[in-house]
């Protein structure tokens, strides 16, 4: 058995290709590849249930690619790393950087401890196109608006680096005593929910590249318009692969740029830019997951209705497009981006429920739950965030459904109890005459909920509430 010379710590980079730190570790000698499930330091950012399911399968995929050499550990990463390097007499540790506030704080402490023990630490960027500290305004302060950040900052600073191939040869050490099995991490729930959810997905580095290839060949050409249509196959569905690092943004960026040079490509690249912007905001404003970016929202009179929150979570609001989105989330672990905005708008601007409560539900249910994108997105919709939607922009879910799901294909997929209604009433069944409801077998309040909120009245109340805090500092 080869004795390890260096440790490579897998984190949100569960791949072999275009993995800068892993490539450097392989060049340095025999590598002990490890993964640590650190629920001790993550606190509020502890991985949600759906993400843990994806992680379980992704680790199995990675382990196969490593010839079953992945060492799996659990606990306080600082304690685990120090004990491991001492026991195995390791002189160098490699990792790729993570950008969530708790990870930055933890990694600084680990680096300090290792260097105090004469262990060299080498870290690299594997998950962002641009480092957050590289893109600043002329006065040295961070951007707070996406367009100048992306166009005047990112695209002018430097182009993304080209992707790197996976190492051709690797010398990997066996897992030391005390390592766990992947199954031993207990990432899967005891219910059948996770297995049903994962029927919709393929996990791992190979699956990520297959998904990218299909998107680029079959779907990118309709992206700019089609990405807003929840029933259309015009979205990349790469977000969980990117979050867990089964594919890098550099690989996606360069593969996409080899395709057509038109508005669809530019639109898709800008969406990668939005992902970067979310991480950028999280880095420069680490309070983003819990604090309103705009302090005037600290005075907002949020509702405390648990009953309405639970109806929203379960897809029982009585508003079909919202219920379809929330049911898609529960059943598949994903939700179409346009519908994410519609459901979030209803929660924060019609029900007046704190965006943080919606964010927490998404965090637990999304397989692509990403602290940066999730919190930035919720604050954007609520109006409390950077570059946020104006307070007066309140999505009308009925209008949105008619515009982006005109044949109700998406709605009826997840709300089949409305299937016998005439199309014009599917978007707002409460508007249907009693005779029509009866013929369709729909009994509001029994077979399908009555709306938990009046859209017109709640919009007026929301505008009044938002107007009241406009000038509050």
Protein backbone atom coordinates (compact mmCIF):
# COMPACT_ATOMS: atom_id res chain seq x y z
CA UNK A 1 0.00 0.00 0.00
CA UNK A 2 1.35 3.43 -0.96
CA UNK A 3 1.87 5.69 2.02
CA UNK A 4 0.28 9.11 1.48
CA UNK A 5 2.51 12.11 0.92
CA UNK A 6 -0.22 14.72 0.68
CA UNK A 7 -3.91 15.10 1.49
CA UNK A 8 -6.44 16.40 -0.95
CA UNK A 9 -9.66 17.59 0.70
CA UNK A 10 -12.72 17.32 -1.54
CA UNK A 11 -15.40 19.88 -0.71
CA UNK A 12 -17.68 21.50 -3.32
CA UNK A 13 -15.51 20.14 -6.14
CA UNK A 14 -16.59 16.51 -6.51
CA UNK A 15 -14.86 15.91 -9.84
CA UNK A 16 -11.48 14.99 -11.29
CA UNK A 17 -11.37 17.17 -14.43
CA UNK A 18 -10.68 20.90 -14.11
CA UNK A 19 -9.88 20.48 -10.45
CA UNK A 20 -6.79 22.70 -9.92
CA UNK A 21 -6.00 21.67 -6.35
CA UNK A 22 -6.43 17.97 -7.09
CA UNK A 23 -4.14 18.22 -10.11
CA UNK A 24 -1.51 19.96 -7.98
CA UNK A 25 -1.84 17.32 -5.27
CA UNK A 26 -1.37 14.50 -7.79
CA UNK A 27 1.84 16.15 -9.02
CA UNK A 28 3.11 16.42 -5.46
CA UNK A 29 3.03 12.69 -4.72
CA UNK A 30 0.82 9.91 -3.39
CA UNK A 31 -2.53 11.45 -2.51
CA UNK A 32 -4.91 10.61 0.31
CA UNK A 33 -8.26 11.92 -1.01
CA UNK A 34 -10.73 12.78 1.74
CA UNK A 35 -14.21 14.17 2.22
CA UNK A 36 -15.36 15.53 5.58
CA UNK A 37 -19.01 16.02 6.45
CA UNK A 38 -18.70 19.02 8.76
CA UNK A 39 -22.04 19.65 10.45
CA UNK A 40 -20.25 21.08 13.49
CA UNK A 41 -19.15 24.41 12.02
CA UNK A 42 -21.85 24.97 9.40
CA UNK A 43 -24.49 26.16 11.87
CA UNK A 44 -27.37 27.81 10.01
CA UNK A 45 -25.85 26.64 6.72
CA UNK A 46 -26.04 22.94 7.60
CA UNK A 47 -26.97 21.13 4.42
CA UNK A 48 -30.70 20.62 3.85
CA UNK A 49 -32.35 17.22 3.42
CA UNK A 50 -32.58 17.25 -0.38
CA UNK A 51 -28.96 18.37 -0.80
CA UNK A 52 -27.78 15.60 1.50
CA UNK A 53 -29.49 13.07 -0.74
CA UNK A 54 -27.68 14.44 -3.79
CA UNK A 55 -24.39 14.46 -1.86
CA UNK A 56 -24.83 10.78 -0.98
CA UNK A 57 -25.05 9.79 -4.63
CA UNK A 58 -22.36 12.23 -5.74
CA UNK A 59 -19.86 10.85 -3.25
CA UNK A 60 -20.55 7.33 -4.50
CA UNK A 61 -19.93 8.50 -8.07
CA UNK A 62 -16.68 10.22 -7.07
CA UNK A 63 -15.52 7.20 -5.12
CA UNK A 64 -15.98 4.99 -8.17
CA UNK A 65 -13.90 7.44 -10.24
CA UNK A 66 -11.17 7.22 -7.58
CA UNK A 67 -11.12 3.44 -7.62
CA UNK A 68 -12.83 3.26 -4.20
CA UNK A 69 -9.99 5.24 -2.61
CA UNK A 70 -12.06 8.10 -1.16
CA UNK A 71 -11.67 8.41 2.60
CA UNK A 72 -14.90 9.64 4.20
CA UNK A 73 -14.87 11.34 7.58
CA UNK A 74 -17.30 13.27 9.75
CA UNK A 75 -17.09 15.89 12.47
CA UNK A 76 -15.30 19.17 13.14
CA UNK A 77 -13.07 19.50 10.06
CA UNK A 78 -10.43 21.37 12.05
CA UNK A 79 -10.08 18.50 14.52
CA UNK A 80 -10.28 15.84 11.81
CA UNK A 81 -7.62 17.41 9.60
CA UNK A 82 -5.18 18.01 12.43
CA UNK A 83 -5.51 14.46 13.74
CA UNK A 84 -5.20 12.96 10.27
CA UNK A 85 -2.10 14.91 9.24
CA UNK A 86 -0.39 14.08 12.53
CA UNK A 87 -1.25 10.38 12.36
CA UNK A 88 -0.22 9.97 8.72
CA UNK A 89 2.77 12.36 8.98
CA UNK A 90 1.39 14.50 6.15
CA UNK A 91 3.46 17.52 5.12
CA UNK A 92 1.10 19.19 2.64
CA UNK A 93 -2.67 19.62 2.31
CA UNK A 94 -4.46 20.79 -0.84
CA UNK A 95 -7.98 22.15 -1.23
CA UNK A 96 -10.08 24.36 -3.45
CA UNK A 97 -11.51 27.46 -1.85
CA UNK A 98 -15.09 27.73 -0.56
CA UNK A 99 -16.84 31.07 -0.16
CA UNK A 100 -19.58 30.73 2.42
CA UNK A 101 -18.76 32.83 5.51
CA UNK A 102 -18.57 29.88 7.88
CA UNK A 103 -16.25 28.02 5.49
CA UNK A 104 -13.92 31.00 5.16
CA UNK A 105 -13.66 31.36 8.94
CA UNK A 106 -13.11 27.62 9.44
CA UNK A 107 -10.52 27.33 6.67
CA UNK A 108 -8.48 30.26 8.01
CA UNK A 109 -8.27 28.55 11.39
CA UNK A 110 -7.31 25.21 9.81
CA UNK A 111 -4.64 26.83 7.65
CA UNK A 112 -3.17 28.58 10.68
CA UNK A 113 -3.10 25.36 12.72
CA UNK A 114 -1.54 23.35 9.91
CA UNK A 115 1.16 25.89 9.20
CA UNK A 116 1.92 26.09 12.93
CA UNK A 117 2.49 22.32 12.68
CA UNK A 118 4.82 22.74 9.69
CA UNK A 119 2.21 21.43 7.24
CA UNK A 120 2.02 23.42 4.01
CA UNK A 121 -1.43 24.44 2.74
CA UNK A 122 -2.11 25.09 -0.94
CA UNK A 123 -5.52 26.43 -1.99
CA UNK A 124 -6.96 27.16 -5.42
CA UNK A 125 -10.05 28.55 -7.11
CA UNK A 126 -12.16 25.82 -8.69
CA UNK A 127 -15.74 27.06 -8.40
CA UNK A 128 -15.89 30.70 -9.52
CA UNK A 129 -15.01 32.38 -12.81
CA UNK A 130 -13.76 35.46 -10.97
CA UNK A 131 -12.50 35.74 -7.41
CA UNK A 132 -14.72 38.16 -5.44
CA UNK A 133 -11.79 40.34 -4.41
CA UNK A 134 -10.61 40.74 -8.01
CA UNK A 135 -13.70 42.64 -9.22
CA UNK A 136 -14.12 46.04 -7.57
CA UNK A 137 -15.25 49.51 -8.57
CA UNK A 138 -12.73 52.23 -9.31
CA UNK A 139 -12.83 53.41 -5.70
CA UNK A 140 -12.04 49.92 -4.42
CA UNK A 141 -15.54 49.20 -3.10
CA UNK A 142 -17.70 46.23 -4.18
CA UNK A 143 -20.45 46.50 -6.76
CA UNK A 144 -24.05 46.30 -5.59
CA UNK A 145 -25.77 46.22 -9.00
CA UNK A 146 -25.41 43.28 -11.36
CA UNK A 147 -25.04 44.94 -14.78
CA UNK A 148 -22.01 47.13 -13.98
CA UNK A 149 -20.54 44.27 -11.92
CA UNK A 150 -20.76 41.90 -14.88
CA UNK A 151 -20.10 44.19 -17.83
CA UNK A 152 -17.75 46.79 -16.37
CA UNK A 153 -16.17 44.52 -13.79
CA UNK A 154 -15.99 40.84 -14.65
CA UNK A 155 -15.78 41.03 -18.42
CA UNK A 156 -13.13 43.76 -18.22
CA UNK A 157 -10.93 42.30 -15.48
CA UNK A 158 -9.78 39.11 -17.17
CA UNK A 159 -11.33 36.26 -19.14
CA UNK A 160 -12.09 33.03 -17.31
CA UNK A 161 -9.21 30.58 -17.43
CA UNK A 162 -9.40 27.60 -19.75
CA UNK A 163 -10.48 24.27 -18.17
CA UNK A 164 -7.90 21.63 -17.30
CA UNK A 165 -7.99 17.93 -18.04
CA UNK A 166 -8.15 15.29 -15.33
CA UNK A 167 -4.78 13.81 -14.30
CA UNK A 168 -3.81 10.90 -16.53
CA UNK A 169 -2.11 9.01 -13.72
CA UNK A 170 -2.85 9.13 -10.01
CA UNK A 171 -1.15 7.50 -7.05
CA UNK A 172 -3.83 7.24 -4.40
CA UNK A 173 -3.46 5.93 -0.87
CA UNK A 174 -5.97 3.64 0.79
CA UNK A 175 -8.32 5.08 3.38
CA UNK A 176 -6.77 4.99 6.87
CA UNK A 177 -8.37 3.26 9.82
CA UNK A 178 -11.24 5.22 11.27
CA UNK A 179 -12.68 6.23 7.90
CA UNK A 180 -16.41 5.83 7.42
CA UNK A 181 -18.33 4.35 4.55
CA UNK A 182 -20.37 6.81 2.51
CA UNK A 183 -23.50 5.06 3.71
CA UNK A 184 -22.21 5.57 7.24
CA UNK A 185 -22.72 9.32 6.89
CA UNK A 186 -26.48 8.68 7.10
CA UNK A 187 -27.27 11.25 4.42
CA UNK A 188 -30.43 9.50 3.26
CA UNK A 189 -33.73 9.86 5.13
CA UNK A 190 -35.63 6.75 6.23
CA UNK A 191 -38.67 7.66 4.10
CA UNK A 192 -39.18 6.82 0.42
CA UNK A 193 -39.32 10.54 -0.44
CA UNK A 194 -35.66 10.68 -1.47
CA UNK A 195 -35.78 7.68 -3.80
CA UNK A 196 -38.86 9.08 -5.54
CA UNK A 197 -37.17 12.46 -5.88
CA UNK A 198 -33.96 11.03 -7.34
CA UNK A 199 -35.82 9.24 -10.13
CA UNK A 200 -35.76 12.62 -11.87
CA UNK A 201 -31.97 13.03 -11.72
CA UNK A 202 -28.63 11.57 -12.68
CA UNK A 203 -25.72 12.40 -10.41
CA UNK A 204 -21.96 12.69 -10.80
CA UNK A 205 -19.28 14.12 -13.05
CA UNK A 206 -20.21 12.07 -16.12
CA UNK A 207 -23.89 12.92 -15.68
CA UNK A 208 -23.01 16.61 -15.43
CA UNK A 209 -21.15 16.58 -18.73
CA UNK A 210 -23.93 14.59 -20.38
CA UNK A 211 -26.47 17.16 -19.17
CA UNK A 212 -24.31 20.02 -20.48
CA UNK A 213 -23.90 18.36 -23.88
CA UNK A 214 -27.65 17.81 -24.22
CA UNK A 215 -28.39 21.39 -23.24
CA UNK A 216 -25.89 22.85 -25.69
CA UNK A 217 -26.98 20.67 -28.61
CA UNK A 218 -30.74 20.60 -28.12
CA UNK A 219 -31.87 23.44 -25.86
CA UNK A 220 -29.54 26.45 -25.89
CA UNK A 221 -31.00 27.72 -29.17
CA UNK A 222 -34.30 28.45 -27.41
CA UNK A 223 -32.83 29.60 -24.11
CA UNK A 224 -33.59 33.32 -24.02
CA UNK A 225 -37.34 32.88 -24.50
CA UNK A 226 -37.77 29.26 -23.46
CA UNK A 227 -36.12 29.64 -20.05
CA UNK A 228 -39.26 31.46 -18.85
CA UNK A 229 -41.62 28.67 -19.93
CA UNK A 230 -41.79 26.05 -17.15
CA UNK A 231 -43.10 23.29 -19.42
CA UNK A 232 -40.35 23.82 -22.02
CA UNK A 233 -37.03 21.99 -22.08
CA UNK A 234 -34.96 25.13 -22.47
CA UNK A 235 -33.09 25.37 -19.18
CA UNK A 236 -29.69 23.91 -18.41
CA UNK A 237 -30.57 22.04 -15.18
CA UNK A 238 -26.88 22.32 -14.29
CA UNK A 239 -27.26 24.07 -10.94
CA UNK A 240 -26.89 21.00 -8.67
CA UNK A 241 -23.91 19.83 -10.70
CA UNK A 242 -22.32 23.27 -10.33
CA UNK A 243 -23.12 23.53 -6.65
CA UNK A 244 -21.50 20.23 -5.77
CA UNK A 245 -18.68 20.84 -8.22
CA UNK A 246 -19.36 17.86 -10.46
CA UNK A 247 -18.66 20.30 -13.27
CA UNK A 248 -16.89 23.65 -13.10
CA UNK A 249 -18.22 27.00 -14.32
CA UNK A 250 -15.11 27.24 -16.49
CA UNK A 251 -16.04 24.02 -18.27
CA UNK A 252 -19.58 25.28 -18.80
CA UNK A 253 -18.46 28.73 -19.94
CA UNK A 254 -15.99 27.48 -22.54
CA UNK A 255 -18.22 24.69 -23.83
CA UNK A 256 -21.07 27.17 -24.29
CA UNK A 257 -18.87 29.71 -26.07
CA UNK A 258 -18.01 27.08 -28.67
CA UNK A 259 -21.68 27.01 -29.67
CA UNK A 260 -23.71 29.62 -31.54
CA UNK A 261 -22.72 33.25 -31.01
CA UNK A 262 -26.15 34.80 -30.56
CA UNK A 263 -28.46 36.29 -27.93
CA UNK A 264 -29.23 32.85 -26.48
CA UNK A 265 -25.57 32.32 -25.67
CA UNK A 266 -25.16 35.79 -24.18
CA UNK A 267 -28.26 35.30 -22.06
CA UNK A 268 -26.97 31.98 -20.75
CA UNK A 269 -23.52 33.38 -19.99
CA UNK A 270 -25.12 36.25 -18.09
CA UNK A 271 -26.96 33.69 -15.96
CA UNK A 272 -23.58 32.24 -15.04
CA UNK A 273 -22.72 35.85 -14.22
CA UNK A 274 -25.68 36.04 -11.84
CA UNK A 275 -24.34 32.97 -10.03
CA UNK A 276 -21.01 34.75 -9.69
CA UNK A 277 -22.75 37.91 -8.46
CA UNK A 278 -24.52 35.97 -5.72
CA UNK A 279 -21.22 34.60 -4.43
CA UNK A 280 -19.68 38.04 -4.78
CA UNK A 281 -22.40 39.57 -2.60
CA UNK A 282 -22.08 36.78 -0.03
CA UNK A 283 -18.31 37.30 0.17
CA UNK A 284 -18.45 41.06 0.57
CA UNK A 285 -21.64 41.11 2.66
CA UNK A 286 -21.51 37.93 4.78
CA UNK A 287 -24.68 38.84 6.66
CA UNK A 288 -26.73 38.28 3.50
CA UNK A 289 -28.27 34.91 4.57
CA UNK A 290 -29.92 36.36 7.66
CA UNK A 291 -29.94 40.16 7.42
CA UNK A 292 -31.86 42.45 5.10
CA UNK A 293 -29.41 43.97 2.63
CA UNK A 294 -31.56 47.12 2.74
CA UNK A 295 -31.83 48.11 6.43
CA UNK A 296 -35.23 49.79 5.99
CA UNK A 297 -36.72 46.29 5.67
CA UNK A 298 -35.84 45.70 9.31
CA UNK A 299 -38.97 47.74 10.05
CA UNK A 300 -41.22 45.75 7.72
CA UNK A 301 -44.40 44.40 9.40
CA UNK A 302 -44.06 40.75 8.37
CA UNK A 303 -47.01 38.45 9.01
CA UNK A 304 -46.60 35.58 11.47
CA UNK A 305 -49.32 33.38 9.97
CA UNK A 306 -48.12 29.80 10.38
CA UNK A 307 -51.27 28.49 8.69
CA UNK A 308 -50.61 30.41 5.46
CA UNK A 309 -46.93 29.47 5.51
CA UNK A 310 -47.76 25.77 5.80
CA UNK A 311 -50.32 26.00 2.97
CA UNK A 312 -47.65 27.62 0.79
CA UNK A 313 -45.06 24.95 1.68
CA UNK A 314 -47.44 22.11 0.85
CA UNK A 315 -48.72 23.57 -2.43
CA UNK A 316 -52.20 24.15 -1.07
CA UNK A 317 -52.62 27.90 -1.57
CA UNK A 318 -55.52 27.53 -4.02
CA UNK A 319 -53.50 29.42 -6.64
CA UNK A 320 -52.60 26.82 -9.28
CA UNK A 321 -49.26 28.08 -10.63
CA UNK A 322 -47.96 28.53 -7.07
CA UNK A 323 -49.20 25.13 -5.97
CA UNK A 324 -47.66 23.52 -9.05
CA UNK A 325 -44.28 25.06 -8.23
CA UNK A 326 -44.33 24.03 -4.59
CA UNK A 327 -45.35 20.49 -5.49
CA UNK A 328 -42.64 20.29 -8.14
CA UNK A 329 -40.15 21.33 -5.45
CA UNK A 330 -41.27 18.62 -3.05
CA UNK A 331 -41.50 15.88 -5.65
CA UNK A 332 -38.33 16.59 -7.64
CA UNK A 333 -36.05 18.75 -5.48
CA UNK A 334 -36.02 21.50 -8.09
CA UNK A 335 -38.30 24.31 -9.22
CA UNK A 336 -38.29 26.21 -12.49
CA UNK A 337 -36.71 29.65 -12.03
CA UNK A 338 -39.69 31.64 -13.31
CA UNK A 339 -41.93 29.75 -10.91
CA UNK A 340 -39.45 30.32 -8.08
CA UNK A 341 -39.99 34.05 -8.55
CA UNK A 342 -43.77 33.65 -8.67
CA UNK A 343 -43.95 31.52 -5.53
CA UNK A 344 -41.53 33.76 -3.65
CA UNK A 345 -43.45 36.87 -4.66
CA UNK A 346 -46.71 35.40 -3.37
CA UNK A 347 -45.11 34.55 -0.02
CA UNK A 348 -43.38 37.87 0.57
CA UNK A 349 -45.68 40.33 -1.18
CA UNK A 350 -49.17 38.85 -0.96
CA UNK A 351 -48.92 36.87 2.25
CA UNK A 352 -46.35 39.32 3.67
CA UNK A 353 -44.36 36.48 5.21
CA UNK A 354 -40.68 37.06 5.93
CA UNK A 355 -38.43 36.00 3.04
CA UNK A 356 -36.21 34.12 5.50
CA UNK A 357 -38.98 31.61 6.17
CA UNK A 358 -39.34 30.89 2.46
CA UNK A 359 -35.59 30.69 2.04
CA UNK A 360 -35.37 28.09 4.81
CA UNK A 361 -38.00 25.90 3.13
CA UNK A 362 -36.19 26.12 -0.21
CA UNK A 363 -32.92 25.37 1.58
CA UNK A 364 -34.28 22.09 2.89
CA UNK A 365 -36.10 21.03 -0.28
CA UNK A 366 -33.77 22.05 -3.13
CA UNK A 367 -31.12 19.63 -4.36
CA UNK A 368 -29.26 22.70 -5.68
CA UNK A 369 -29.66 24.65 -2.42
CA UNK A 370 -26.84 27.17 -2.65
CA UNK A 371 -26.42 29.64 0.20
CA UNK A 372 -25.32 32.46 -2.11
CA UNK A 373 -27.90 32.03 -4.87
CA UNK A 374 -30.76 31.09 -2.54
CA UNK A 375 -30.42 34.05 -0.20
CA UNK A 376 -29.61 36.56 -2.93
CA UNK A 377 -32.60 35.36 -4.96
CA UNK A 378 -35.01 35.58 -2.06
CA UNK A 379 -33.85 39.04 -1.09
CA UNK A 380 -34.14 40.13 -4.73
CA UNK A 381 -37.79 39.07 -4.94
CA UNK A 382 -38.65 40.45 -1.51
CA UNK A 383 -37.19 43.82 -2.47
CA UNK A 384 -34.75 43.82 0.45
CA UNK A 385 -31.64 42.80 -1.49
CA UNK A 386 -28.96 44.22 -3.75
CA UNK A 387 -30.16 45.16 -7.22
CA UNK A 388 -33.57 44.05 -5.96
CA UNK A 389 -36.90 44.01 -7.73
CA UNK A 390 -38.69 47.29 -6.88
CA UNK A 391 -41.11 47.03 -3.97
CA UNK A 392 -44.00 47.76 -6.32
CA UNK A 393 -43.17 44.80 -8.59
CA UNK A 394 -45.61 42.21 -7.34
CA UNK A 395 -46.04 39.21 -9.61
CA UNK A 396 -49.67 38.43 -10.38
CA UNK A 397 -49.59 34.61 -10.40
CA UNK A 398 -52.65 34.33 -12.64
CA UNK A 399 -51.24 36.71 -15.25
CA UNK A 400 -47.84 35.03 -15.02
CA UNK A 401 -49.39 31.58 -15.51
CA UNK A 402 -51.38 32.68 -18.57
CA UNK A 403 -48.28 34.26 -20.10
CA UNK A 404 -45.71 31.56 -19.43
CA UNK A 405 -47.87 28.42 -19.16
CA UNK A 406 -50.64 29.28 -21.64
CA UNK A 407 -51.80 25.68 -22.16
CA UNK A 408 -51.47 24.93 -18.43
CA UNK A 409 -49.15 22.01 -19.19
CA UNK A 410 -46.98 22.75 -16.17
CA UNK A 411 -49.90 23.43 -13.85
CA UNK A 412 -51.79 20.27 -14.75
CA UNK A 413 -48.69 18.12 -14.39
CA UNK A 414 -48.56 18.96 -10.70
CA UNK A 415 -52.17 19.95 -10.00
CA UNK A 416 -54.04 17.17 -11.84
CA UNK A 417 -57.21 17.71 -9.80
CA UNK A 418 -57.98 20.63 -12.14
CA UNK A 419 -57.57 18.58 -15.34
CA UNK A 420 -61.28 18.57 -16.26
CA UNK A 421 -61.73 22.32 -15.95
CA UNK A 422 -61.93 24.35 -19.18
CA UNK A 423 -58.49 25.85 -19.84
CA UNK A 424 -59.52 29.45 -19.15
CA UNK A 425 -60.48 28.54 -15.57
CA UNK A 426 -57.43 26.41 -14.74
CA UNK A 427 -55.38 29.53 -13.94
CA UNK A 428 -57.98 30.87 -11.47
CA UNK A 429 -60.57 28.17 -10.63
CA UNK A 430 -62.34 30.44 -8.15
CA UNK A 431 -63.56 32.46 -11.15
CA UNK A 432 -65.35 29.46 -12.66
CA UNK A 433 -69.17 29.32 -12.38
CA UNK A 434 -70.58 26.72 -9.99
CA UNK A 435 -71.92 24.66 -12.91
CA UNK A 436 -68.49 24.48 -14.55
CA UNK A 437 -66.82 23.47 -11.30
CA UNK A 438 -69.46 20.82 -10.71
CA UNK A 439 -69.04 19.34 -14.21
CA UNK A 440 -65.26 19.22 -13.70
CA UNK A 441 -65.62 17.52 -10.32
CA UNK A 442 -63.91 20.40 -8.55
CA UNK A 443 -65.20 21.36 -5.12
CA UNK A 444 -63.30 24.38 -3.87
CA UNK A 445 -62.29 23.86 -0.28
CA UNK A 446 -62.52 20.08 -0.65
CA UNK A 447 -60.96 18.65 -3.82
CA UNK A 448 -58.89 21.81 -4.31
CA UNK A 449 -58.32 24.68 -1.84
CA UNK A 450 -60.03 28.02 -2.03
CA UNK A 451 -57.38 30.78 -2.35
CA UNK A 452 -55.75 31.57 0.98
CA UNK A 453 -55.43 35.21 -0.03
CA UNK A 454 -57.25 37.66 -2.30
CA UNK A 455 -54.68 38.73 -4.87
CA UNK A 456 -56.08 42.21 -5.49
CA UNK A 457 -56.63 43.15 -1.85
CA UNK A 458 -53.30 41.71 -0.72
CA UNK A 459 -51.48 43.62 -3.45
CA UNK A 460 -52.93 46.88 -2.18
CA UNK A 461 -51.98 46.05 1.41
CA UNK A 462 -48.45 45.12 0.31
CA UNK A 463 -47.96 48.39 -1.55
CA UNK A 464 -49.06 50.29 1.52
CA UNK A 465 -46.66 48.34 3.75
CA UNK A 466 -43.72 48.73 1.36
CA UNK A 467 -44.43 52.44 0.88
CA UNK A 468 -44.42 52.97 4.65
CA UNK A 469 -40.81 51.79 5.00
CA UNK A 470 -39.40 53.49 1.88
CA UNK A 471 -37.88 56.35 3.76
CA UNK A 472 -37.01 54.45 6.93
CA UNK A 473 -33.28 54.18 7.63
